[in-house]
Amino acid sequence: QYKFRDLTIEELKNVSKTYPNFTFSMNTYTFKDGSQKDLLNFSGTVPVKYGNSYNIPIRLWILDSHPFAPPICFLKPTANMGIAVGKHVDAQGRIYLPYLQNWSHPKSTLVGLITEMIAKFEEELPLYSLSSSDAARQSELLSYIAKITEGETDMKSRSKAGGRNEGCFNKITVVGAGDLGIACVLAVAAKDIADKVVLLDLSEGAAKGGTMDLEIFAVPNVEISKDFSASSDSKVVVLTVNSLGNAQTYLDVIQSNVDLFRGIIPAVSHYSQNAVLLVASHPVEVMTFVSWKLSSFPKSRVIGVGANLDSERFQYTLTNLLKAEVLAKDAWVIGEQGEDKVPAWTSCNVVTNQTEAMAARNSREKVANRAMEVLKGKSQRSWSVGLSVADLADSILKDKRKVHSVSTLAKGCCNINSEVFLSLPCILGNSGVIEMVRLEEDPLVQEKLQSSACSIHDLQQQLKL
């Protein structure tokens, strides 16, 4: 059942040669979504020097897509050992390392992984000795941990008790634990949109700042993880990550983001094959295109947050500040985020007289320009984008068939012939974009959209996907 059997066997031979104490077996592993697979695994001890010399017991599960996917790693503490939760180990003994996050065949190997594991454990010992009384109190916890390392999760236990399978839930995964990612989690939780929200924290080291606060104050139905498998069976995956590299040019910044997405999109697409990808990373038009290409998802299920926030603000301003309620329901901000966005309309009142039609259009444009002036100084804070993301996720999960201005594949619209994503009014449901809403024909709007498409396409052509 292993797709790359020969490569996997060769890897295991190298492990056995370097660490002859390891024993190999085939057992059933149960993933967090309740699905099961028979997987190769090996267990043994690795030598660690931390003042004294210690033998740290570990167990590694080899996925059937190895060596193109990293193994799942656990500590295997004995009854007289306690787990020291830290940078690279959680309370259940799951091991997280930069080497696993950056796994890339053929550069990454099992022997290389174990070498880094030893080095990290020598910086921070993952286990400690228990007194006899502590060991007795730990017996229940160790039994639970043993079930996890054998592939038995609490999800399976709940299923046996008649609980719902997590795969049936409305589950959202937010990738990236920066300010925007945390804002999205809090907005989704506040609006009670999903049964479960997973925050994938891909940063190295222990939880800091907002992620630590989320853990301290125990936000309901929110799980923080560094493991892509935690995102399994999500119905919406929100991308908020942006590279913090030392790029010198704008193109370098975007290329750095593309490189970051190379390690993210295939993984989340693998674990949530029917999800809608909702991209909030910058620049949103380009990163939505990149997500579409890397995921191989249909265009309807890859969406950028685009001008949804701008459109909601635009409509609110028309209705509540300028009292132009009739116009607001058909008013949208479209195109690309930033200074090149443009107001547009999806319908207009039928006016038989050409003079009246021209007067109505001029009046409408004046109101639109006033609204855009009001919004000119409104920046997009993390929390405001988070609310916009929650708004979009709500329409998708609840199949609301509501119209939003989101980044979607614009090829074929307004005489655009290139594969670029621009914000356009779209009906959203549980399969993503159900239908694009037809815009009123306006030569000036079309010209601006074509100009944006041209510049975005030129930029995409310079990227290495």
Protein backbone atom coordinates (compact mmCIF):
# COMPACT_ATOMS: atom_id res chain seq x y z
CA GLN A 1 0.00 0.00 0.00
CA TYR A 2 3.05 2.29 0.22
CA LYS A 3 3.24 4.40 -2.92
CA PHE A 4 7.05 4.61 -2.86
CA ARG A 5 7.86 1.22 -1.34
CA ASP A 6 11.50 0.96 -2.43
CA LEU A 7 12.38 4.44 -1.18
CA THR A 8 10.65 3.74 2.14
CA ILE A 9 12.45 0.41 2.63
CA GLU A 10 15.78 2.07 1.86
CA GLU A 11 15.09 4.72 4.50
CA LEU A 12 14.18 2.13 7.13
CA LYS A 13 17.34 0.17 6.37
CA ASN A 14 19.39 3.31 7.05
CA VAL A 15 17.56 3.82 10.35
CA SER A 16 18.19 0.19 11.37
CA LYS A 17 21.86 0.49 10.49
CA THR A 18 22.31 3.69 12.53
CA TYR A 19 20.01 2.75 15.43
CA PRO A 20 20.02 -1.07 15.72
CA ASN A 21 17.87 -0.99 18.89
CA PHE A 22 14.76 0.11 16.96
CA THR A 23 12.03 -2.48 16.37
CA PHE A 24 9.68 -2.29 13.36
CA SER A 25 6.04 -3.33 13.04
CA MET A 26 2.82 -2.71 11.12
CA ASN A 27 -0.12 -1.40 13.18
CA THR A 28 -3.37 0.48 12.73
CA TYR A 29 -3.14 4.23 13.24
CA THR A 30 -6.28 6.29 13.89
CA PHE A 31 -6.11 9.90 12.70
CA LYS A 32 -7.84 12.81 14.42
CA ASP A 33 -10.78 12.59 12.02
CA GLY A 34 -11.41 8.96 13.04
CA SER A 35 -10.08 7.45 9.79
CA GLN A 36 -7.68 4.52 10.11
CA LYS A 37 -4.72 3.13 8.19
CA ASP A 38 -2.28 0.29 8.66
CA LEU A 39 1.09 2.02 8.88
CA LEU A 40 4.69 1.00 9.33
CA ASN A 41 6.13 2.26 12.58
CA PHE A 42 9.29 1.83 14.61
CA SER A 43 10.15 2.41 18.24
CA GLY A 44 13.27 2.47 20.36
CA THR A 45 15.46 4.89 22.28
CA VAL A 46 17.72 7.73 21.18
CA PRO A 47 20.79 8.77 23.19
CA VAL A 48 20.60 12.27 24.68
CA LYS A 49 23.21 14.08 26.76
CA TYR A 50 21.74 16.55 29.21
CA GLY A 51 24.37 16.72 31.93
CA ASN A 52 24.05 12.94 32.22
CA SER A 53 23.31 10.50 29.41
CA TYR A 54 19.68 9.46 28.85
CA ASN A 55 17.90 7.07 26.53
CA ILE A 56 14.71 8.78 25.33
CA PRO A 57 12.01 6.36 24.10
CA ILE A 58 10.28 7.40 20.87
CA ARG A 59 7.90 5.98 18.28
CA LEU A 60 7.62 7.10 14.65
CA TRP A 61 4.72 6.31 12.29
CA ILE A 62 5.54 6.24 8.56
CA LEU A 63 2.76 7.57 6.32
CA ASP A 64 1.97 5.71 3.09
CA SER A 65 3.17 8.70 1.05
CA HIS A 66 6.64 8.56 2.62
CA PRO A 67 9.25 9.91 1.87
CA PHE A 68 7.24 12.83 0.47
CA ALA A 69 5.36 13.28 3.75
CA PRO A 70 6.97 13.50 7.20
CA PRO A 71 6.38 10.79 9.82
CA ILE A 72 4.17 11.24 12.90
CA CYS A 73 6.37 11.28 15.99
CA PHE A 74 5.67 10.53 19.66
CA LEU A 75 7.53 10.03 22.89
CA LYS A 76 6.93 6.64 24.55
CA PRO A 77 7.33 7.39 28.26
CA THR A 78 7.52 4.51 30.74
CA ALA A 79 5.48 4.45 33.96
CA ASN A 80 8.20 6.31 35.90
CA MET A 81 8.58 9.11 33.34
CA GLY A 82 6.69 12.38 33.07
CA ILE A 83 6.40 14.50 29.90
CA ALA A 84 8.03 17.92 30.09
CA VAL A 85 5.82 20.02 27.79
CA GLY A 86 7.98 22.51 25.93
CA LYS A 87 8.96 23.91 22.54
CA HIS A 88 8.90 20.58 20.77
CA VAL A 89 6.60 18.31 22.80
CA ASP A 90 2.93 18.63 23.79
CA ALA A 91 1.14 17.14 26.80
CA GLN A 92 0.32 13.95 24.89
CA GLY A 93 3.93 13.37 23.88
CA ARG A 94 3.50 14.43 20.24
CA ILE A 95 6.83 15.68 18.91
CA TYR A 96 7.04 18.85 16.78
CA LEU A 97 10.28 19.93 15.11
CA PRO A 98 11.33 22.46 12.46
CA TYR A 99 12.66 19.47 10.51
CA LEU A 100 9.12 18.06 10.28
CA GLN A 101 7.58 21.38 9.27
CA ASN A 102 10.18 21.88 6.53
CA TRP A 103 10.18 18.25 5.35
CA SER A 104 11.18 17.98 1.71
CA HIS A 105 12.36 14.83 -0.11
CA PRO A 106 15.17 14.00 -0.86
CA LYS A 107 16.82 16.55 1.46
CA SER A 108 14.87 15.28 4.49
CA THR A 109 15.50 11.76 5.82
CA LEU A 110 14.48 9.72 8.85
CA VAL A 111 18.07 9.57 10.10
CA GLY A 112 18.35 13.35 9.69
CA LEU A 113 15.07 13.77 11.61
CA ILE A 114 16.31 11.64 14.52
CA THR A 115 19.59 13.59 14.53
CA GLU A 116 17.67 16.88 14.93
CA MET A 117 15.41 15.27 17.52
CA ILE A 118 18.45 14.39 19.63
CA ALA A 119 19.87 17.91 19.24
CA LYS A 120 16.59 19.55 20.32
CA PHE A 121 16.17 17.16 23.25
CA GLU A 122 19.68 18.03 24.40
CA GLU A 123 18.57 21.67 24.55
CA GLU A 124 15.37 20.84 26.42
CA LEU A 125 14.94 17.36 27.91
CA PRO A 126 11.41 16.11 27.03
CA LEU A 127 11.02 13.66 29.95
CA TYR A 128 11.69 13.66 33.67
CA SER A 129 11.70 11.04 36.43
CA LEU A 130 8.65 10.66 38.65
CA SER A 131 8.58 9.65 42.29
CA SER A 132 6.65 6.47 43.05
CA SER A 133 3.58 8.45 44.20
CA ASP A 134 3.69 10.66 41.10
CA ALA A 135 4.02 7.59 38.92
CA ALA A 136 0.87 6.13 40.42
CA ARG A 137 -1.06 9.34 39.74
CA GLN A 138 0.28 9.36 36.18
CA SER A 139 -0.99 5.88 35.32
CA GLU A 140 -4.27 7.09 33.81
CA LEU A 141 -2.53 9.76 31.73
CA LEU A 142 0.07 7.29 30.49
CA SER A 143 -2.69 4.89 29.50
CA TYR A 144 -4.24 7.65 27.41
CA ILE A 145 -0.90 8.55 25.83
CA ALA A 146 -0.25 4.89 25.05
CA LYS A 147 -3.57 4.79 23.19
CA ILE A 148 -2.54 7.80 21.11
CA THR A 149 0.82 6.31 20.20
CA GLU A 150 -0.94 3.08 19.29
CA GLY A 151 -3.23 5.06 17.03
CA GLU A 152 -6.20 5.28 19.40
CA THR A 153 -7.53 8.81 19.83
CA ASP A 154 -10.17 10.35 22.05
CA MET A 155 -12.21 10.77 18.88
CA LYS A 156 -12.47 7.01 18.56
CA SER A 157 -13.55 6.72 22.19
CA ARG A 158 -16.29 9.28 21.68
CA SER A 159 -17.45 7.46 18.56
CA LYS A 160 -17.79 4.24 20.54
CA ALA A 161 -19.89 6.11 23.08
CA GLY A 162 -22.26 7.20 20.35
CA GLY A 163 -20.77 10.67 19.81
CA ARG A 164 -20.74 12.45 16.46
CA ASN A 165 -17.82 11.93 14.16
CA GLU A 166 -15.77 15.10 13.83
CA GLY A 167 -15.94 14.78 10.06
CA CYS A 168 -19.67 15.61 10.24
CA PHE A 169 -19.00 18.92 11.95
CA ASN A 170 -18.71 22.35 10.41
CA LYS A 171 -14.98 22.65 10.88
CA ILE A 172 -12.79 25.59 9.93
CA THR A 173 -8.99 25.61 9.91
CA VAL A 174 -7.10 28.90 10.08
CA VAL A 175 -3.50 28.59 8.87
CA GLY A 176 -1.17 31.09 10.54
CA ALA A 177 -1.10 32.27 14.15
CA GLY A 178 -0.21 35.91 13.57
CA ASP A 179 -2.52 38.80 14.40
CA LEU A 180 -4.74 38.13 11.39
CA GLY A 181 -5.00 34.41 12.06
CA ILE A 182 -5.98 34.97 15.68
CA ALA A 183 -8.44 37.69 14.63
CA CYS A 184 -10.09 35.20 12.25
CA VAL A 185 -10.34 32.57 15.00
CA LEU A 186 -11.91 35.02 17.44
CA ALA A 187 -14.35 36.38 14.84
CA VAL A 188 -15.47 32.88 13.81
CA ALA A 189 -15.83 31.88 17.47
CA ALA A 190 -17.76 35.06 18.33
CA LYS A 191 -20.25 34.50 15.50
CA ASP A 192 -20.58 30.80 16.45
CA ILE A 193 -20.17 29.76 12.83
CA ALA A 194 -18.33 26.46 13.25
CA ASP A 195 -18.49 23.47 15.58
CA LYS A 196 -14.71 23.48 15.73
CA VAL A 197 -11.93 25.88 14.76
CA VAL A 198 -8.35 24.67 14.34
CA LEU A 199 -5.56 27.24 14.44
CA LEU A 200 -2.47 25.90 12.70
CA ASP A 201 0.53 27.61 14.27
CA LEU A 202 3.42 27.03 11.88
CA SER A 203 5.91 29.20 13.74
CA GLU A 204 8.87 27.58 15.43
CA GLY A 205 9.13 27.36 19.20
CA ALA A 206 6.56 27.43 21.95
CA ALA A 207 3.22 29.21 21.82
CA LYS A 208 3.66 32.94 22.22
CA GLY A 209 1.45 35.98 22.45
CA GLY A 210 -2.03 35.37 21.10
CA THR A 211 -1.80 31.58 20.82
CA MET A 212 -0.74 31.37 24.44
CA ASP A 213 -3.66 33.62 25.42
CA LEU A 214 -6.09 31.44 23.46
CA GLU A 215 -4.85 28.47 25.47
CA ILE A 216 -4.89 30.32 28.81
CA PHE A 217 -8.46 31.57 28.43
CA ALA A 218 -9.71 28.36 26.77
CA VAL A 219 -11.80 29.78 23.89
CA PRO A 220 -14.54 27.16 23.33
CA ASN A 221 -14.17 24.73 20.40
CA VAL A 222 -10.75 26.11 19.42
CA GLU A 223 -7.78 23.78 19.00
CA ILE A 224 -4.21 25.02 18.48
CA SER A 225 -1.90 22.66 16.63
CA LYS A 226 1.35 22.54 14.71
CA ASP A 227 0.28 19.40 12.85
CA PHE A 228 -1.39 19.61 9.43
CA SER A 229 -3.39 16.45 10.17
CA ALA A 230 -5.35 18.47 12.77
CA SER A 231 -6.98 20.27 9.81
CA SER A 232 -8.44 17.02 8.46
CA ASP A 233 -11.94 17.25 6.97
CA SER A 234 -12.23 21.01 7.32
CA LYS A 235 -14.98 22.55 5.24
CA VAL A 236 -13.21 25.90 5.03
CA VAL A 237 -9.45 26.48 5.25
CA VAL A 238 -8.44 30.11 5.79
CA LEU A 239 -4.91 31.11 4.71
CA THR A 240 -3.51 34.07 6.68
CA VAL A 241 0.25 33.39 6.60
CA ASN A 242 2.73 35.86 5.16
CA SER A 243 6.48 35.40 4.91
CA LEU A 244 8.59 37.47 7.29
CA GLY A 245 11.79 37.00 5.33
CA ASN A 246 14.38 39.64 4.49
CA ALA A 247 13.27 40.14 0.90
CA GLN A 248 14.50 43.36 -0.71
CA THR A 249 11.97 43.91 -3.51
CA TYR A 250 8.21 43.54 -3.81
CA LEU A 251 8.73 40.60 -6.18
CA ASP A 252 11.04 38.96 -3.61
CA VAL A 253 8.37 39.35 -0.92
CA ILE A 254 5.75 37.67 -3.10
CA GLN A 255 8.15 34.91 -4.14
CA SER A 256 8.88 34.30 -0.47
CA ASN A 257 5.15 33.91 0.14
CA VAL A 258 4.88 31.53 -2.81
CA ASP A 259 7.70 29.41 -1.35
CA LEU A 260 5.86 29.38 1.98
CA PHE A 261 2.62 28.28 0.30
CA ARG A 262 4.45 25.42 -1.45
CA GLY A 263 4.79 23.71 1.90
CA ILE A 264 1.25 24.52 3.06
CA ILE A 265 -1.30 24.19 0.25
CA PRO A 266 -0.52 20.56 -0.76
CA ALA A 267 -0.72 19.50 2.90
CA VAL A 268 -4.06 21.16 3.73
CA SER A 269 -5.46 20.03 0.35
CA HIS A 270 -4.47 16.46 1.18
CA TYR A 271 -6.20 16.47 4.58
CA SER A 272 -9.30 18.41 3.46
CA GLN A 273 -9.91 17.44 -0.15
CA ASN A 274 -13.41 18.92 -0.30
CA ALA A 275 -12.65 22.18 1.48
CA VAL A 276 -13.12 25.70 0.22
CA LEU A 277 -9.79 27.56 0.40
CA LEU A 278 -10.29 31.14 1.60
CA VAL A 279 -7.15 33.21 1.05
CA ALA A 280 -6.41 36.29 3.16
CA SER A 281 -2.64 36.43 2.62
CA HIS A 282 -1.06 39.28 0.63
CA PRO A 283 -1.25 40.16 -2.18
CA VAL A 284 -4.58 38.39 -2.11
CA GLU A 285 -5.09 38.21 -5.90
CA VAL A 286 -1.71 36.59 -6.54
CA MET A 287 -1.81 34.28 -3.50
CA THR A 288 -5.31 33.09 -4.45
CA PHE A 289 -3.96 32.23 -7.92
CA VAL A 290 -1.01 30.42 -6.30
CA SER A 291 -3.36 28.48 -3.99
CA TRP A 292 -5.48 27.46 -6.97
CA LYS A 293 -2.46 26.19 -8.89
CA LEU A 294 -0.87 24.35 -5.94
CA SER A 295 -4.10 22.74 -4.73
CA SER A 296 -5.48 21.61 -8.12
CA PHE A 297 -8.92 22.43 -6.67
CA PRO A 298 -11.66 23.63 -9.03
CA LYS A 299 -11.72 27.41 -9.37
CA SER A 300 -15.04 27.59 -7.49
CA ARG A 301 -13.39 26.31 -4.29
CA VAL A 302 -10.45 28.74 -4.20
CA ILE A 303 -11.52 32.22 -3.14
CA GLY A 304 -9.71 35.34 -1.98
CA VAL A 305 -11.19 37.67 0.64
CA GLY A 306 -10.77 40.35 -2.00
CA ALA A 307 -12.97 43.42 -1.65
CA ASN A 308 -15.61 41.89 0.62
CA LEU A 309 -14.74 44.26 3.48
CA ASP A 310 -14.59 47.25 1.13
CA SER A 311 -17.97 46.34 -0.38
CA GLU A 312 -19.64 45.92 3.01
CA ARG A 313 -18.27 49.29 4.13
CA PHE A 314 -19.33 50.86 0.81
CA GLN A 315 -22.90 49.60 1.10
CA TYR A 316 -23.09 50.59 4.78
CA THR A 317 -21.90 54.13 3.93
CA LEU A 318 -24.42 54.50 1.12
CA THR A 319 -27.28 53.29 3.30
CA ASN A 320 -26.53 54.79 6.71
CA LEU A 321 -24.47 57.91 6.03
CA LEU A 322 -25.65 59.03 2.61
CA LYS A 323 -29.17 57.55 2.86
CA ALA A 324 -28.94 56.10 -0.64
CA GLU A 325 -30.65 52.82 0.29
CA VAL A 326 -31.97 52.08 -3.20
CA LEU A 327 -28.46 52.23 -4.67
CA ALA A 328 -26.70 50.30 -1.89
CA LYS A 329 -28.11 46.85 -2.67
CA ASP A 330 -26.56 46.91 -6.16
CA ALA A 331 -23.29 48.65 -5.24
CA TRP A 332 -19.97 46.83 -5.04
CA VAL A 333 -16.26 47.48 -4.81
CA ILE A 334 -14.43 45.24 -7.29
CA GLY A 335 -11.02 44.71 -8.91
CA GLU A 336 -7.84 44.39 -6.88
CA GLN A 337 -7.20 45.39 -3.29
CA GLY A 338 -5.55 48.76 -2.80
CA GLU A 339 -5.76 51.99 -4.73
CA ASP A 340 -6.91 50.35 -7.97
CA LYS A 341 -10.21 49.06 -6.60
CA VAL A 342 -13.27 50.53 -8.28
CA PRO A 343 -16.99 50.92 -7.44
CA ALA A 344 -19.39 49.12 -9.75
CA TRP A 345 -23.04 48.11 -10.05
CA THR A 346 -24.76 44.82 -10.74
CA SER A 347 -28.02 46.29 -12.03
CA CYS A 348 -29.72 49.60 -12.70
CA ASN A 349 -33.24 50.88 -12.96
CA VAL A 350 -34.64 50.80 -16.49
CA VAL A 351 -34.96 54.35 -17.80
CA THR A 352 -36.47 54.71 -21.25
CA ASN A 353 -35.38 58.27 -21.81
CA GLN A 354 -31.66 58.52 -22.67
CA THR A 355 -31.33 61.95 -21.03
CA GLU A 356 -32.89 60.63 -17.81
CA ALA A 357 -30.58 57.58 -17.92
CA MET A 358 -27.51 59.81 -18.21
CA ALA A 359 -28.71 62.03 -15.36
CA ALA A 360 -29.38 58.96 -13.17
CA ARG A 361 -25.91 57.57 -13.88
CA ASN A 362 -24.21 60.90 -13.09
CA SER A 363 -26.17 61.19 -9.85
CA ARG A 364 -25.24 57.65 -8.86
CA GLU A 365 -21.55 58.21 -9.62
CA LYS A 366 -21.52 61.35 -7.46
CA VAL A 367 -22.95 59.41 -4.53
CA ALA A 368 -20.46 56.56 -5.12
CA ASN A 369 -17.55 59.02 -5.21
CA ARG A 370 -18.72 60.60 -1.94
CA ALA A 371 -18.93 57.15 -0.34
CA MET A 372 -15.43 56.25 -1.55
CA GLU A 373 -14.10 59.51 -0.12
CA VAL A 374 -15.64 58.68 3.26
CA LEU A 375 -13.92 55.27 3.16
CA LYS A 376 -10.59 56.57 1.93
CA GLY A 377 -9.02 56.82 5.38
CA LYS A 378 -10.41 53.50 6.63
CA SER A 379 -7.56 51.04 6.98
CA GLN A 380 -8.02 47.29 7.14
CA ARG A 381 -7.04 46.20 10.64
CA SER A 382 -6.55 42.53 11.50
CA TRP A 383 -9.78 42.43 13.47
CA SER A 384 -11.80 44.01 10.65
CA VAL A 385 -10.42 41.53 8.09
CA GLY A 386 -11.13 38.77 10.61
CA LEU A 387 -14.78 39.83 10.74
CA SER A 388 -14.89 39.86 6.94
CA VAL A 389 -13.43 36.33 6.84
CA ALA A 390 -16.05 35.17 9.35
CA ASP A 391 -18.75 36.74 7.16
CA LEU A 392 -17.55 34.79 4.11
CA ALA A 393 -17.15 31.53 6.07
CA ASP A 394 -20.71 31.94 7.37
CA SER A 395 -22.11 32.21 3.84
CA ILE A 396 -20.14 29.14 2.74
CA LEU A 397 -20.84 26.84 5.70
CA LYS A 398 -24.53 27.75 5.92
CA ASP A 399 -25.00 27.69 2.14
CA LYS A 400 -26.57 31.16 2.31
CA ARG A 401 -26.33 31.92 -1.44
CA LYS A 402 -25.40 35.47 -0.48
CA VAL A 403 -23.54 37.80 -2.88
CA HIS A 404 -20.03 38.89 -1.87
CA SER A 405 -17.25 40.69 -3.72
CA VAL A 406 -14.46 38.09 -3.57
CA SER A 407 -11.33 37.27 -5.53
CA THR A 408 -12.29 34.72 -8.16
CA LEU A 409 -10.91 33.59 -11.51
CA ALA A 410 -11.73 36.53 -13.78
CA LYS A 411 -10.82 34.93 -17.10
CA GLY A 412 -13.71 35.40 -19.53
CA CYS A 413 -15.13 38.40 -17.68
CA CYS A 414 -14.82 41.93 -19.12
CA ASN A 415 -12.69 40.60 -22.01
CA ILE A 416 -9.98 39.36 -19.64
CA ASN A 417 -8.12 36.46 -21.26
CA SER A 418 -5.45 35.69 -18.65
CA GLU A 419 -5.68 33.47 -15.55
CA VAL A 420 -5.89 36.13 -12.87
CA PHE A 421 -8.05 36.51 -9.77
CA LEU A 422 -9.96 39.75 -9.21
CA SER A 423 -12.76 40.73 -6.85
CA LEU A 424 -16.13 40.33 -8.52
CA PRO A 425 -19.64 39.90 -7.09
CA CYS A 426 -20.25 36.17 -6.59
CA ILE A 427 -22.95 34.04 -5.02
CA LEU A 428 -21.35 31.89 -2.29
CA GLY A 429 -22.55 28.56 -0.94
CA ASN A 430 -21.12 25.38 0.54
CA SER A 431 -19.31 24.56 -2.71
CA GLY A 432 -17.68 28.01 -2.88
CA VAL A 433 -18.53 30.25 -5.80
CA ILE A 434 -21.85 29.11 -7.20
CA GLU A 435 -22.29 31.86 -9.77
CA MET A 436 -20.72 35.15 -10.76
CA VAL A 437 -23.21 38.03 -10.76
CA ARG A 438 -23.32 39.98 -13.99
CA LEU A 439 -22.01 43.54 -13.76
CA GLU A 440 -23.64 46.50 -15.45
CA GLU A 441 -21.65 47.35 -18.56
CA ASP A 442 -19.45 50.35 -17.92
CA PRO A 443 -16.47 51.00 -20.24
CA LEU A 444 -14.49 52.79 -17.51
CA VAL A 445 -14.91 49.90 -15.04
CA GLN A 446 -13.97 47.36 -17.70
CA GLU A 447 -10.88 49.37 -18.59
CA LYS A 448 -9.74 49.44 -14.96
CA LEU A 449 -10.33 45.71 -14.52
CA GLN A 450 -8.37 44.93 -17.68
CA SER A 451 -5.52 47.14 -16.49
CA SER A 452 -5.43 45.35 -13.12
CA ALA A 453 -5.55 41.96 -14.82
CA CYS A 454 -2.63 42.91 -17.07
CA SER A 455 -0.39 44.08 -14.21
CA ILE A 456 -1.24 41.06 -12.02
CA HIS A 457 -0.59 38.65 -14.89
CA ASP A 458 2.79 40.27 -15.61
CA LEU A 459 3.71 39.86 -11.94
CA GLN A 460 2.61 36.21 -11.89
CA GLN A 461 4.75 35.48 -14.94
CA GLN A 462 7.86 36.45 -12.94
CA LEU A 463 7.13 34.06 -10.08
CA LYS A 464 8.58 30.57 -9.72
CA LEU A 465 5.72 28.22 -8.90
